[in-house]
Amino acid sequence: MKYYLMVIAILFSFVTIAQPNSKSGIKNGSISGRVMDTNLKQQLSYVNIIIKNKDR
């Protein structure tokens, strides 16, 4: 029984550490819009957007 409580306590501590706090400046958000082909002036379907570095 003590073993299970110890495992739960350790897992809970990892979950709480992984969450950003209010002072960290990390906010959840979303990006929305359209990705357009400049030559064809048409919307591109099934496009993935990757943000590599948000500090720049």
C-alpha atoms as a PDB file:
ATOM      1  CA  MET A   1       0.000   0.000   0.000  1.00  0.00           C
ATOM      2  CA  LYS A   2       2.834   2.397   0.840  1.00  0.00           C
ATOM      3  CA  TYR A   3       4.428   1.590  -2.509  1.00  0.00           C
ATOM      4  CA  TYR A   4       1.296   2.653  -4.419  1.00  0.00           C
ATOM      5  CA  LEU A   5       1.009   5.878  -2.471  1.00  0.00           C
ATOM      6  CA  MET A   6       4.661   6.667  -3.164  1.00  0.00           C
ATOM      7  CA  VAL A   7       4.226   6.051  -6.908  1.00  0.00           C
ATOM      8  CA  ILE A   8       1.112   8.242  -7.016  1.00  0.00           C
ATOM      9  CA  ALA A   9       2.911  11.013  -5.120  1.00  0.00           C
ATOM     10  CA  ILE A  10       5.861  10.919  -7.510  1.00  0.00           C
ATOM     11  CA  LEU A  11       3.645  10.940 -10.606  1.00  0.00           C
ATOM     12  CA  PHE A  12       1.594  13.812  -9.203  1.00  0.00           C
ATOM     13  CA  SER A  13       4.751  15.843  -8.580  1.00  0.00           C
ATOM     14  CA  PHE A  14       5.857  15.400 -12.205  1.00  0.00           C
ATOM     15  CA  VAL A  15       2.474  16.584 -13.451  1.00  0.00           C
ATOM     16  CA  THR A  16       2.506  19.676 -11.262  1.00  0.00           C
ATOM     17  CA  ILE A  17       6.057  20.591 -12.291  1.00  0.00           C
ATOM     18  CA  ALA A  18       5.206  20.295 -15.992  1.00  0.00           C
ATOM     19  CA  GLN A  19       2.413  22.870 -15.786  1.00  0.00           C
ATOM     20  CA  PRO A  20       3.363  26.526 -16.371  1.00  0.00           C
ATOM     21  CA  ASN A  21       2.631  28.899 -13.521  1.00  0.00           C
ATOM     22  CA  SER A  22       1.039  32.340 -13.862  1.00  0.00           C
ATOM     23  CA  LYS A  23       4.414  34.135 -13.594  1.00  0.00           C
ATOM     24  CA  SER A  24       6.173  32.167 -16.334  1.00  0.00           C
ATOM     25  CA  GLY A  25       4.637  34.110 -19.221  1.00  0.00           C
ATOM     26  CA  ILE A  26       3.668  30.909 -21.027  1.00  0.00           C
ATOM     27  CA  LYS A  27       0.107  31.186 -22.259  1.00  0.00           C
ATOM     28  CA  ASN A  28      -2.105  28.740 -24.085  1.00  0.00           C
ATOM     29  CA  GLY A  29      -3.388  30.094 -27.340  1.00  0.00           C
ATOM     30  CA  SER A  30      -4.238  29.403 -30.901  1.00  0.00           C
ATOM     31  CA  ILE A  31      -3.338  30.608 -34.350  1.00  0.00           C
ATOM     32  CA  SER A  32      -5.966  30.812 -37.035  1.00  0.00           C
ATOM     33  CA  GLY A  33      -6.037  31.999 -40.601  1.00  0.00           C
ATOM     34  CA  ARG A  34      -5.498  30.916 -44.181  1.00  0.00           C
ATOM     35  CA  VAL A  35      -2.381  29.853 -46.042  1.00  0.00           C
ATOM     36  CA  MET A  36      -2.492  31.140 -49.602  1.00  0.00           C
ATOM     37  CA  ASP A  37      -0.468  30.288 -52.704  1.00  0.00           C
ATOM     38  CA  THR A  38       0.786  33.662 -53.941  1.00  0.00           C
ATOM     39  CA  ASN A  39       1.012  32.602 -57.598  1.00  0.00           C
ATOM     40  CA  LEU A  40      -2.370  30.884 -57.898  1.00  0.00           C
ATOM     41  CA  LYS A  41      -4.176  33.096 -55.332  1.00  0.00           C
ATOM     42  CA  GLN A  42      -5.796  29.956 -53.929  1.00  0.00           C
ATOM     43  CA  GLN A  43      -6.104  28.589 -50.448  1.00  0.00           C
ATOM     44  CA  LEU A  44      -3.828  25.616 -49.664  1.00  0.00           C
ATOM     45  CA  SER A  45      -5.522  22.617 -48.071  1.00  0.00           C
ATOM     46  CA  TYR A  46      -4.075  20.419 -45.317  1.00  0.00           C
ATOM     47  CA  VAL A  47      -1.162  22.723 -44.476  1.00  0.00           C
ATOM     48  CA  ASN A  48       0.813  22.262 -41.253  1.00  0.00           C
ATOM     49  CA  ILE A  49       2.324  25.280 -39.529  1.00  0.00           C
ATOM     50  CA  ILE A  50       5.383  24.826 -37.312  1.00  0.00           C
ATOM     51  CA  ILE A  51       6.582  27.557 -34.937  1.00  0.00           C
ATOM     52  CA  LYS A  52      10.293  26.969 -34.407  1.00  0.00           C
ATOM     53  CA  ASN A  53      11.236  29.896 -32.189  1.00  0.00           C
ATOM     54  CA  LYS A  54       8.648  32.237 -30.747  1.00  0.00           C
ATOM     55  CA  ASP A  55      11.279  34.633 -29.365  1.00  0.00           C
ATOM     56  CA  ARG A  56      12.235  35.971 -32.782  1.00  0.00           C
END
